[in-house]
N, C-alpha and C. Protein backbone atom coordinates (compact mmCIF):
# COMPACT_ATOMS: atom_id res chain seq x y z
N MET A 1 0.85 -1.18 0.00
CA MET A 1 0.00 0.00 0.00
C MET A 1 0.89 1.24 0.00
N LYS A 2 0.56 2.14 -0.89
CA LYS A 2 1.28 3.41 -0.96
C LYS A 2 0.33 4.50 -0.52
N ILE A 3 0.79 5.37 0.38
CA ILE A 3 -0.01 6.50 0.84
C ILE A 3 0.69 7.78 0.42
N THR A 4 -0.03 8.60 -0.32
CA THR A 4 0.52 9.88 -0.79
C THR A 4 -0.22 11.00 -0.08
N HIS A 5 0.52 11.82 0.64
CA HIS A 5 -0.05 12.98 1.34
C HIS A 5 0.23 14.22 0.51
N VAL A 6 -0.84 14.89 0.07
CA VAL A 6 -0.71 16.12 -0.71
C VAL A 6 -1.11 17.29 0.18
N HIS A 7 -0.16 18.18 0.42
CA HIS A 7 -0.42 19.40 1.18
C HIS A 7 -0.42 20.54 0.17
N PRO A 8 -1.61 21.04 -0.22
CA PRO A 8 -1.68 22.02 -1.31
C PRO A 8 -1.06 23.36 -0.96
N ARG A 9 -0.62 24.03 -2.00
CA ARG A 9 -0.06 25.38 -1.85
C ARG A 9 -1.20 26.36 -1.69
N ALA A 10 -1.05 27.26 -0.74
CA ALA A 10 -2.06 28.29 -0.51
C ALA A 10 -1.94 29.36 -1.59
N GLY A 11 -2.99 30.15 -1.73
CA GLY A 11 -2.94 31.26 -2.66
C GLY A 11 -2.09 32.40 -2.12
N ALA A 12 -1.68 33.29 -2.99
CA ALA A 12 -0.88 34.45 -2.57
C ALA A 12 -1.73 35.33 -1.67
N PRO A 13 -1.20 35.98 -0.69
CA PRO A 13 0.21 36.03 -0.26
C PRO A 13 0.56 34.97 0.77
N TRP A 14 -0.38 34.10 1.14
CA TRP A 14 -0.15 33.13 2.20
C TRP A 14 0.85 32.05 1.81
N CYS A 15 1.02 31.81 0.51
CA CYS A 15 1.91 30.73 0.08
C CYS A 15 3.35 30.96 0.53
N LYS A 16 3.77 32.21 0.68
CA LYS A 16 5.17 32.47 1.08
C LYS A 16 5.43 32.08 2.52
N ASP A 17 4.38 31.90 3.32
CA ASP A 17 4.54 31.50 4.72
C ASP A 17 4.53 29.99 4.90
N GLN A 18 4.28 29.23 3.83
CA GLN A 18 4.24 27.78 3.94
C GLN A 18 5.64 27.18 3.86
N THR A 19 5.87 26.13 4.64
CA THR A 19 7.15 25.43 4.63
C THR A 19 7.10 24.32 3.60
N PRO A 20 8.02 24.33 2.61
CA PRO A 20 8.02 23.25 1.62
C PRO A 20 8.45 21.93 2.26
N ILE A 21 7.72 20.86 1.93
CA ILE A 21 8.07 19.52 2.40
C ILE A 21 8.00 18.58 1.21
N GLY A 22 8.45 17.36 1.38
CA GLY A 22 8.24 16.35 0.34
C GLY A 22 9.50 15.76 -0.20
N ASN A 23 9.29 14.89 -1.18
CA ASN A 23 10.39 14.14 -1.76
C ASN A 23 10.49 14.34 -3.27
N GLY A 24 10.14 15.51 -3.74
CA GLY A 24 10.30 15.81 -5.16
C GLY A 24 9.03 15.76 -5.98
N CYS A 25 7.99 15.13 -5.49
CA CYS A 25 6.72 15.09 -6.21
C CYS A 25 6.01 16.43 -6.04
N THR A 26 5.17 16.77 -7.00
CA THR A 26 4.36 17.97 -6.89
C THR A 26 2.88 17.57 -6.91
N GLU A 27 2.04 18.51 -6.54
CA GLU A 27 0.60 18.25 -6.59
C GLU A 27 0.17 17.93 -8.02
N ALA A 28 0.77 18.61 -9.01
CA ALA A 28 0.45 18.35 -10.41
C ALA A 28 0.80 16.91 -10.80
N ASP A 29 1.91 16.39 -10.25
CA ASP A 29 2.28 14.99 -10.53
C ASP A 29 1.21 14.02 -10.02
N ILE A 30 0.64 14.33 -8.87
CA ILE A 30 -0.37 13.45 -8.28
C ILE A 30 -1.66 13.51 -9.10
N TRP A 31 -2.05 14.70 -9.55
CA TRP A 31 -3.23 14.80 -10.43
C TRP A 31 -3.00 14.03 -11.72
N GLU A 32 -1.78 14.08 -12.23
CA GLU A 32 -1.46 13.31 -13.44
C GLU A 32 -1.54 11.81 -13.16
N GLU A 33 -1.09 11.39 -11.98
CA GLU A 33 -1.19 9.97 -11.61
C GLU A 33 -2.65 9.53 -11.54
N ILE A 34 -3.51 10.37 -10.99
CA ILE A 34 -4.95 10.04 -10.92
C ILE A 34 -5.53 9.99 -12.34
N ARG A 35 -5.14 10.96 -13.19
CA ARG A 35 -5.62 10.97 -14.57
C ARG A 35 -5.20 9.71 -15.31
N GLU A 36 -3.92 9.33 -15.15
CA GLU A 36 -3.43 8.11 -15.81
C GLU A 36 -4.19 6.87 -15.32
N ALA A 37 -4.51 6.83 -14.04
CA ALA A 37 -5.28 5.69 -13.51
C ALA A 37 -6.64 5.61 -14.18
N THR A 38 -7.30 6.75 -14.39
CA THR A 38 -8.61 6.72 -15.04
C THR A 38 -8.47 6.32 -16.51
N MET A 39 -7.38 6.69 -17.15
CA MET A 39 -7.18 6.35 -18.56
C MET A 39 -6.85 4.86 -18.74
N ARG A 40 -6.28 4.24 -17.69
CA ARG A 40 -5.99 2.80 -17.74
C ARG A 40 -7.21 1.97 -17.37
N ASP A 41 -8.35 2.64 -17.15
CA ASP A 41 -9.57 1.98 -16.70
C ASP A 41 -9.44 1.38 -15.31
N ASP A 42 -8.48 1.89 -14.52
CA ASP A 42 -8.44 1.54 -13.10
C ASP A 42 -9.56 2.32 -12.43
N VAL A 43 -10.09 1.78 -11.36
CA VAL A 43 -11.18 2.47 -10.68
C VAL A 43 -10.61 3.34 -9.57
N VAL A 44 -10.93 4.62 -9.63
CA VAL A 44 -10.55 5.58 -8.60
C VAL A 44 -11.78 5.80 -7.73
N VAL A 45 -11.64 5.56 -6.43
CA VAL A 45 -12.77 5.71 -5.51
C VAL A 45 -12.53 6.94 -4.65
N PHE A 46 -13.49 7.83 -4.66
CA PHE A 46 -13.43 9.04 -3.86
C PHE A 46 -14.28 8.83 -2.61
N ILE A 47 -13.71 9.10 -1.44
CA ILE A 47 -14.43 8.96 -0.18
C ILE A 47 -15.07 10.31 0.15
N ASP A 48 -16.39 10.35 0.28
CA ASP A 48 -17.11 11.59 0.57
C ASP A 48 -16.97 11.91 2.06
N THR A 49 -16.02 12.79 2.40
CA THR A 49 -15.64 13.03 3.79
C THR A 49 -16.40 14.17 4.46
N HIS A 50 -16.90 15.11 3.69
CA HIS A 50 -17.61 16.24 4.29
C HIS A 50 -18.42 16.96 3.22
N GLN A 51 -19.28 17.85 3.66
CA GLN A 51 -20.11 18.60 2.73
C GLN A 51 -19.23 19.35 1.74
N TYR A 52 -19.56 19.33 0.51
CA TYR A 52 -18.86 19.99 -0.60
C TYR A 52 -17.56 19.28 -1.02
N ALA A 53 -17.16 18.21 -0.37
CA ALA A 53 -15.92 17.53 -0.74
C ALA A 53 -15.99 17.02 -2.18
N TRP A 54 -17.08 16.32 -2.52
CA TRP A 54 -17.21 15.78 -3.88
C TRP A 54 -17.20 16.90 -4.91
N GLU A 55 -17.91 17.99 -4.64
CA GLU A 55 -17.97 19.09 -5.59
C GLU A 55 -16.59 19.69 -5.83
N GLU A 56 -15.78 19.83 -4.76
CA GLU A 56 -14.44 20.38 -4.90
C GLU A 56 -13.54 19.45 -5.71
N PHE A 57 -13.62 18.15 -5.45
CA PHE A 57 -12.82 17.18 -6.19
C PHE A 57 -13.26 17.12 -7.64
N PHE A 58 -14.58 17.09 -7.86
CA PHE A 58 -15.12 17.02 -9.21
C PHE A 58 -14.72 18.26 -10.03
N GLU A 59 -14.67 19.41 -9.38
CA GLU A 59 -14.24 20.63 -10.05
C GLU A 59 -12.81 20.48 -10.57
N GLU A 60 -11.95 19.84 -9.80
CA GLU A 60 -10.58 19.59 -10.24
C GLU A 60 -10.56 18.60 -11.40
N LEU A 61 -11.41 17.57 -11.33
CA LEU A 61 -11.45 16.57 -12.40
C LEU A 61 -11.87 17.18 -13.73
N THR A 62 -12.76 18.15 -13.70
CA THR A 62 -13.25 18.73 -14.95
C THR A 62 -12.26 19.70 -15.58
N LYS A 63 -11.17 20.02 -14.89
CA LYS A 63 -10.15 20.92 -15.45
C LYS A 63 -9.26 20.21 -16.46
N GLU A 64 -9.11 18.92 -16.32
CA GLU A 64 -8.20 18.14 -17.17
C GLU A 64 -8.95 17.02 -17.87
N ARG A 65 -8.21 16.17 -18.58
CA ARG A 65 -8.81 15.05 -19.29
C ARG A 65 -8.82 13.81 -18.40
N PHE A 66 -9.88 13.62 -17.68
CA PHE A 66 -10.06 12.43 -16.86
C PHE A 66 -11.19 11.62 -17.46
N ASP A 67 -11.10 10.30 -17.35
CA ASP A 67 -12.21 9.45 -17.75
C ASP A 67 -13.13 9.32 -16.54
N LEU A 68 -14.18 10.11 -16.51
CA LEU A 68 -15.07 10.15 -15.35
C LEU A 68 -15.83 8.85 -15.14
N GLU A 69 -15.87 7.99 -16.16
CA GLU A 69 -16.51 6.68 -16.00
C GLU A 69 -15.73 5.80 -15.02
N ALA A 70 -14.43 6.10 -14.85
CA ALA A 70 -13.59 5.30 -13.97
C ALA A 70 -13.51 5.88 -12.56
N VAL A 71 -14.27 6.93 -12.29
CA VAL A 71 -14.26 7.56 -10.96
C VAL A 71 -15.59 7.26 -10.28
N MET A 72 -15.50 6.71 -9.08
CA MET A 72 -16.69 6.43 -8.28
C MET A 72 -16.55 7.20 -6.97
N TYR A 73 -17.69 7.51 -6.34
CA TYR A 73 -17.55 8.09 -5.01
C TYR A 73 -18.39 7.31 -4.03
N LEU A 74 -17.82 7.14 -2.85
CA LEU A 74 -18.42 6.34 -1.81
C LEU A 74 -18.99 7.28 -0.75
N THR A 75 -20.27 7.12 -0.49
CA THR A 75 -20.95 7.95 0.49
C THR A 75 -21.95 7.10 1.26
N LEU A 76 -22.42 7.63 2.34
CA LEU A 76 -23.47 6.96 3.10
C LEU A 76 -24.81 7.59 2.73
N PRO A 77 -25.87 6.80 2.69
CA PRO A 77 -27.18 7.41 2.41
C PRO A 77 -27.61 8.31 3.58
N PRO A 78 -28.38 9.35 3.30
CA PRO A 78 -28.84 10.21 4.39
C PRO A 78 -29.73 9.45 5.35
N ARG A 79 -29.81 9.95 6.56
CA ARG A 79 -30.63 9.32 7.60
C ARG A 79 -31.77 10.27 7.96
N LYS A 80 -32.95 9.70 8.13
CA LYS A 80 -34.11 10.48 8.58
C LYS A 80 -34.05 10.60 10.10
N LYS A 81 -34.37 11.79 10.58
CA LYS A 81 -34.34 12.03 12.02
C LYS A 81 -35.55 12.86 12.40
N LEU A 82 -36.14 12.52 13.54
CA LEU A 82 -37.32 13.24 14.03
C LEU A 82 -36.87 14.24 15.09
N LEU A 83 -37.16 15.51 14.85
CA LEU A 83 -36.81 16.57 15.79
C LEU A 83 -38.03 17.02 16.58
N HIS A 84 -37.83 17.30 17.85
CA HIS A 84 -38.89 17.87 18.69
C HIS A 84 -38.70 19.38 18.70
N ILE A 85 -39.74 20.11 18.32
CA ILE A 85 -39.70 21.57 18.33
C ILE A 85 -40.58 22.03 19.49
N PRO A 86 -39.98 22.65 20.52
CA PRO A 86 -40.77 23.02 21.70
C PRO A 86 -41.75 24.16 21.40
N ALA A 87 -42.76 24.24 22.24
CA ALA A 87 -43.75 25.32 22.12
C ALA A 87 -43.11 26.63 22.58
N HIS A 88 -43.63 27.74 22.04
CA HIS A 88 -43.19 29.04 22.55
C HIS A 88 -44.37 29.99 22.55
N GLY A 89 -44.34 30.90 23.49
CA GLY A 89 -45.43 31.86 23.64
C GLY A 89 -45.36 32.95 22.59
N PRO A 90 -46.30 33.86 22.63
CA PRO A 90 -46.26 34.94 21.65
C PRO A 90 -44.99 35.80 21.85
N ILE A 91 -44.46 36.26 20.74
CA ILE A 91 -43.24 37.08 20.77
C ILE A 91 -43.55 38.40 20.07
N SER A 92 -43.09 39.50 20.65
CA SER A 92 -43.23 40.77 19.94
C SER A 92 -41.87 41.40 19.75
N TYR A 93 -41.73 41.97 18.57
CA TYR A 93 -40.50 42.65 18.19
C TYR A 93 -40.82 44.12 18.02
N GLY A 94 -39.97 44.97 18.51
CA GLY A 94 -40.23 46.40 18.37
C GLY A 94 -39.08 47.11 17.72
N LEU A 95 -39.43 48.00 16.80
CA LEU A 95 -38.45 48.88 16.14
C LEU A 95 -38.88 50.32 16.40
N GLN A 96 -37.92 51.17 16.49
CA GLN A 96 -38.24 52.58 16.70
C GLN A 96 -37.46 53.39 15.67
N ARG A 97 -38.19 54.25 14.94
CA ARG A 97 -37.57 55.08 13.92
C ARG A 97 -36.78 56.18 14.61
N ALA A 98 -35.56 56.39 14.21
CA ALA A 98 -34.67 57.36 14.85
C ALA A 98 -35.10 58.80 14.59
N SER A 99 -35.68 59.07 13.43
CA SER A 99 -35.99 60.47 13.07
C SER A 99 -37.11 61.07 13.92
N ASP A 100 -38.16 60.28 14.20
CA ASP A 100 -39.28 60.86 14.94
C ASP A 100 -39.70 60.03 16.15
N GLY A 101 -39.02 58.93 16.43
CA GLY A 101 -39.33 58.13 17.60
C GLY A 101 -40.54 57.24 17.46
N LYS A 102 -41.15 57.16 16.26
CA LYS A 102 -42.33 56.32 16.07
C LYS A 102 -41.96 54.86 16.22
N LYS A 103 -42.80 54.09 16.96
CA LYS A 103 -42.54 52.68 17.23
C LYS A 103 -43.36 51.80 16.30
N PHE A 104 -42.72 50.73 15.86
CA PHE A 104 -43.36 49.72 15.02
C PHE A 104 -43.22 48.38 15.74
N VAL A 105 -44.33 47.72 15.98
CA VAL A 105 -44.32 46.46 16.73
C VAL A 105 -44.84 45.34 15.83
N THR A 106 -44.12 44.24 15.82
CA THR A 106 -44.53 43.04 15.10
C THR A 106 -44.76 41.95 16.13
N GLU A 107 -45.87 41.29 16.02
CA GLU A 107 -46.19 40.22 16.97
C GLU A 107 -46.22 38.89 16.23
N GLU A 108 -45.63 37.90 16.89
CA GLU A 108 -45.65 36.53 16.37
C GLU A 108 -46.50 35.71 17.33
N PRO A 109 -47.50 35.00 16.82
CA PRO A 109 -48.39 34.25 17.72
C PRO A 109 -47.68 33.06 18.38
N ALA A 110 -48.28 32.56 19.43
CA ALA A 110 -47.76 31.38 20.12
C ALA A 110 -47.87 30.17 19.20
N THR A 111 -46.93 29.24 19.35
CA THR A 111 -47.00 28.00 18.57
C THR A 111 -46.92 26.82 19.52
N PRO A 112 -47.66 25.76 19.23
CA PRO A 112 -47.62 24.58 20.09
C PRO A 112 -46.38 23.73 19.78
N ALA A 113 -46.04 22.83 20.67
CA ALA A 113 -44.93 21.90 20.45
C ALA A 113 -45.29 21.00 19.27
N THR A 114 -44.29 20.64 18.51
CA THR A 114 -44.51 19.80 17.33
C THR A 114 -43.26 18.98 17.05
N THR A 115 -43.32 18.13 16.07
CA THR A 115 -42.15 17.37 15.60
C THR A 115 -41.98 17.62 14.11
N LYS A 116 -40.76 17.46 13.67
CA LYS A 116 -40.46 17.66 12.26
C LYS A 116 -39.43 16.62 11.84
N GLU A 117 -39.67 15.98 10.70
CA GLU A 117 -38.71 15.01 10.19
C GLU A 117 -37.73 15.72 9.27
N ILE A 118 -36.44 15.51 9.52
CA ILE A 118 -35.40 16.11 8.68
C ILE A 118 -34.52 15.00 8.11
N GLU A 119 -33.77 15.36 7.10
CA GLU A 119 -32.83 14.43 6.49
C GLU A 119 -31.42 14.88 6.86
N VAL A 120 -30.64 13.99 7.47
CA VAL A 120 -29.29 14.31 7.91
C VAL A 120 -28.30 13.65 6.96
N GLN A 121 -27.44 14.46 6.35
CA GLN A 121 -26.40 13.93 5.48
C GLN A 121 -25.32 13.27 6.33
N ARG A 122 -24.79 12.16 5.87
CA ARG A 122 -23.74 11.45 6.59
C ARG A 122 -22.52 11.31 5.70
N TYR A 123 -21.35 11.37 6.32
CA TYR A 123 -20.10 11.32 5.57
C TYR A 123 -19.21 10.24 6.16
N LEU A 124 -18.25 9.79 5.38
CA LEU A 124 -17.35 8.71 5.78
C LEU A 124 -15.97 9.25 6.14
N ASP A 125 -15.34 8.61 7.08
CA ASP A 125 -13.95 8.88 7.41
C ASP A 125 -13.39 7.62 8.07
N PHE A 126 -12.17 7.70 8.52
CA PHE A 126 -11.53 6.55 9.15
C PHE A 126 -11.39 6.75 10.66
N SER A 127 -12.31 7.51 11.26
CA SER A 127 -12.23 7.79 12.69
C SER A 127 -12.71 6.62 13.54
N THR A 128 -13.54 5.74 12.98
CA THR A 128 -13.99 4.56 13.71
C THR A 128 -13.62 3.31 12.92
N LYS A 129 -13.41 2.25 13.63
CA LYS A 129 -13.07 0.99 12.96
C LYS A 129 -14.24 0.51 12.10
N GLN A 130 -15.47 0.75 12.55
CA GLN A 130 -16.65 0.34 11.79
C GLN A 130 -16.67 1.02 10.43
N HIS A 131 -16.45 2.34 10.40
CA HIS A 131 -16.41 3.05 9.11
C HIS A 131 -15.25 2.55 8.26
N ALA A 132 -14.10 2.38 8.88
CA ALA A 132 -12.92 1.95 8.14
C ALA A 132 -13.12 0.58 7.50
N LEU A 133 -13.73 -0.35 8.24
CA LEU A 133 -14.00 -1.67 7.68
C LEU A 133 -15.03 -1.61 6.56
N HIS A 134 -16.03 -0.75 6.72
CA HIS A 134 -17.03 -0.57 5.66
C HIS A 134 -16.37 -0.03 4.38
N ILE A 135 -15.52 0.97 4.54
CA ILE A 135 -14.81 1.54 3.38
C ILE A 135 -13.91 0.48 2.75
N ALA A 136 -13.16 -0.26 3.58
CA ALA A 136 -12.25 -1.28 3.06
C ALA A 136 -13.00 -2.33 2.26
N GLN A 137 -14.18 -2.71 2.73
CA GLN A 137 -14.99 -3.70 2.01
C GLN A 137 -15.45 -3.14 0.66
N GLN A 138 -15.82 -1.88 0.63
CA GLN A 138 -16.33 -1.27 -0.60
C GLN A 138 -15.23 -1.04 -1.64
N VAL A 139 -14.00 -0.76 -1.21
CA VAL A 139 -12.93 -0.42 -2.16
C VAL A 139 -12.04 -1.60 -2.49
N SER A 140 -12.36 -2.77 -1.95
CA SER A 140 -11.57 -3.96 -2.23
C SER A 140 -11.49 -4.20 -3.73
N GLY A 141 -10.28 -4.39 -4.23
CA GLY A 141 -10.09 -4.65 -5.66
C GLY A 141 -9.98 -3.41 -6.52
N LYS A 142 -10.16 -2.24 -5.94
CA LYS A 142 -10.04 -0.99 -6.69
C LYS A 142 -8.57 -0.57 -6.67
N SER A 143 -8.18 0.35 -7.54
CA SER A 143 -6.76 0.67 -7.63
C SER A 143 -6.33 1.87 -6.81
N LEU A 144 -7.20 2.85 -6.63
CA LEU A 144 -6.77 4.09 -5.99
C LEU A 144 -7.93 4.68 -5.18
N VAL A 145 -7.64 5.09 -3.96
CA VAL A 145 -8.64 5.72 -3.10
C VAL A 145 -8.19 7.15 -2.84
N VAL A 146 -9.11 8.10 -3.00
CA VAL A 146 -8.82 9.51 -2.76
C VAL A 146 -9.60 9.98 -1.54
N ILE A 147 -8.89 10.58 -0.59
CA ILE A 147 -9.51 11.14 0.62
C ILE A 147 -9.29 12.65 0.57
N TRP A 148 -10.36 13.41 0.68
CA TRP A 148 -10.30 14.86 0.49
C TRP A 148 -10.43 15.59 1.83
N GLU A 149 -9.40 16.30 2.20
CA GLU A 149 -9.37 17.19 3.36
C GLU A 149 -9.90 16.57 4.65
N PRO A 150 -9.30 15.47 5.10
CA PRO A 150 -9.73 14.90 6.37
C PRO A 150 -9.32 15.81 7.53
N ASP A 151 -10.04 15.74 8.62
CA ASP A 151 -9.69 16.48 9.82
C ASP A 151 -8.81 15.55 10.66
N VAL A 152 -7.52 15.64 10.45
CA VAL A 152 -6.57 14.72 11.08
C VAL A 152 -6.60 14.86 12.60
N GLU A 153 -6.68 16.11 13.09
CA GLU A 153 -6.70 16.34 14.54
C GLU A 153 -7.93 15.70 15.19
N ALA A 154 -9.03 15.60 14.46
CA ALA A 154 -10.26 15.00 14.99
C ALA A 154 -10.24 13.48 14.86
N GLY A 155 -9.19 12.92 14.24
CA GLY A 155 -9.08 11.47 14.15
C GLY A 155 -9.62 10.86 12.87
N ASP A 156 -9.83 11.67 11.83
CA ASP A 156 -10.42 11.16 10.59
C ASP A 156 -9.58 10.09 9.89
N LEU A 157 -8.30 9.95 10.27
CA LEU A 157 -7.44 8.93 9.64
C LEU A 157 -6.96 7.87 10.63
N ASP A 158 -7.54 7.83 11.82
CA ASP A 158 -7.06 6.93 12.88
C ASP A 158 -7.04 5.46 12.47
N HIS A 159 -7.98 5.01 11.67
CA HIS A 159 -8.06 3.59 11.30
C HIS A 159 -7.78 3.37 9.81
N LEU A 160 -6.95 4.22 9.22
CA LEU A 160 -6.60 4.10 7.81
C LEU A 160 -5.91 2.76 7.52
N ARG A 161 -5.24 2.20 8.51
CA ARG A 161 -4.52 0.93 8.32
C ARG A 161 -5.45 -0.23 7.96
N GLU A 162 -6.76 -0.05 8.10
CA GLU A 162 -7.71 -1.11 7.74
C GLU A 162 -7.79 -1.30 6.23
N LEU A 163 -7.34 -0.30 5.45
CA LEU A 163 -7.30 -0.47 3.99
C LEU A 163 -6.12 -1.36 3.64
N LYS A 164 -6.34 -2.29 2.77
CA LYS A 164 -5.29 -3.22 2.35
C LYS A 164 -5.25 -3.26 0.83
N ASN A 165 -4.04 -3.40 0.28
CA ASN A 165 -3.84 -3.63 -1.16
C ASN A 165 -4.48 -2.57 -2.05
N VAL A 166 -4.44 -1.34 -1.61
CA VAL A 166 -4.97 -0.25 -2.42
C VAL A 166 -4.09 0.97 -2.16
N ASP A 167 -3.83 1.74 -3.20
CA ASP A 167 -3.07 2.97 -3.02
C ASP A 167 -4.01 4.08 -2.59
N VAL A 168 -3.50 4.97 -1.73
CA VAL A 168 -4.31 6.03 -1.15
C VAL A 168 -3.66 7.38 -1.43
N VAL A 169 -4.48 8.34 -1.86
CA VAL A 169 -4.02 9.72 -2.02
C VAL A 169 -4.86 10.58 -1.08
N ILE A 170 -4.18 11.30 -0.18
CA ILE A 170 -4.87 12.14 0.78
C ILE A 170 -4.55 13.60 0.47
N PHE A 171 -5.59 14.35 0.09
CA PHE A 171 -5.44 15.79 -0.14
C PHE A 171 -5.79 16.48 1.18
N HIS A 172 -4.78 17.02 1.85
CA HIS A 172 -4.99 17.67 3.14
C HIS A 172 -5.51 19.10 2.95
N ARG A 173 -6.00 19.67 4.03
CA ARG A 173 -6.43 21.07 4.01
C ARG A 173 -5.19 21.96 3.91
N VAL A 174 -5.37 23.16 3.42
CA VAL A 174 -4.26 24.11 3.36
C VAL A 174 -3.76 24.34 4.78
N SER A 175 -2.44 24.23 4.96
CA SER A 175 -1.86 24.38 6.29
C SER A 175 -0.55 25.15 6.18
N GLU A 176 0.26 25.07 7.23
CA GLU A 176 1.53 25.79 7.24
C GLU A 176 2.60 25.12 6.40
N LYS A 177 2.30 23.94 5.85
CA LYS A 177 3.27 23.26 4.99
C LYS A 177 2.66 22.98 3.63
N CYS A 178 3.51 22.83 2.62
CA CYS A 178 3.02 22.48 1.29
C CYS A 178 4.01 21.52 0.64
N GLY A 179 3.47 20.64 -0.18
CA GLY A 179 4.30 19.66 -0.85
C GLY A 179 3.64 18.30 -0.84
N VAL A 180 4.37 17.30 -1.31
CA VAL A 180 3.85 15.94 -1.41
C VAL A 180 4.81 15.00 -0.70
N VAL A 181 4.27 14.16 0.17
CA VAL A 181 5.05 13.14 0.87
C VAL A 181 4.46 11.78 0.51
N VAL A 182 5.32 10.90 -0.02
CA VAL A 182 4.88 9.57 -0.41
C VAL A 182 5.46 8.57 0.58
N ALA A 183 4.60 7.74 1.14
CA ALA A 183 5.03 6.73 2.11
C ALA A 183 4.60 5.36 1.61
N GLY A 184 5.35 4.33 1.98
CA GLY A 184 5.01 2.98 1.56
C GLY A 184 5.68 2.61 0.26
N ARG A 185 5.07 1.69 -0.47
CA ARG A 185 5.62 1.20 -1.73
C ARG A 185 5.62 2.33 -2.76
N VAL A 186 6.79 2.65 -3.26
CA VAL A 186 6.92 3.75 -4.23
C VAL A 186 7.55 3.20 -5.50
N GLU A 187 6.90 3.46 -6.63
CA GLU A 187 7.46 3.08 -7.91
C GLU A 187 8.16 4.28 -8.50
N LYS A 188 9.16 4.04 -9.34
CA LYS A 188 9.85 5.13 -10.02
C LYS A 188 8.87 5.76 -11.01
N ARG A 189 8.66 7.06 -10.88
CA ARG A 189 7.78 7.78 -11.79
C ARG A 189 8.48 9.03 -12.26
N ALA A 190 8.15 9.46 -13.45
CA ALA A 190 8.73 10.70 -13.94
C ALA A 190 8.23 11.84 -13.06
N GLY A 191 9.14 12.73 -12.69
CA GLY A 191 8.74 13.90 -11.91
C GLY A 191 8.75 13.67 -10.42
N CYS A 192 8.85 12.42 -9.97
CA CYS A 192 8.85 12.15 -8.53
C CYS A 192 10.12 11.39 -8.18
N ARG A 193 10.77 11.84 -7.12
CA ARG A 193 11.96 11.16 -6.64
C ARG A 193 11.70 10.66 -5.23
N ARG A 194 12.35 9.62 -4.88
CA ARG A 194 12.18 9.06 -3.54
C ARG A 194 13.03 9.76 -2.54
């Protein structure tokens, strides 16, 4: 298993404050590696880690020539949840015009307690062994897994070791460092040095 950590470069002027790290690979090299995987008909699996993650990744895919038929994304179905909304008495809001002191009052009537069904979006990460095993089962036999901006401090990668026999690319959030670090099995590639 090869794990590639991509720490993106921030936009100007913040990029000058980032510390370069890595072993010679660039973010562009990693995007090219993902593109080549899609062109070889290897399956690239994107893990839906948070709201807007898929949209951000998909935006990058549409900038270049990727075979989108070879890209899948793994997500959890939304869950229905019943919320209790407590009763509240009548509420009045008052505004006063500064020029002449005239008052305007708006009244909201009392409402009884009620319930409301909502849909809660759910996302995947490697913070629990249960999620990690579910992801590992779903990506078995695939060639490349992409994880977008995990919250490492919150433990989103704690059980990453549950993935076996698959290469992983992790695009981290913009931070104080930038560059690409490749760990694990590394093949000689143009543009990347060990």
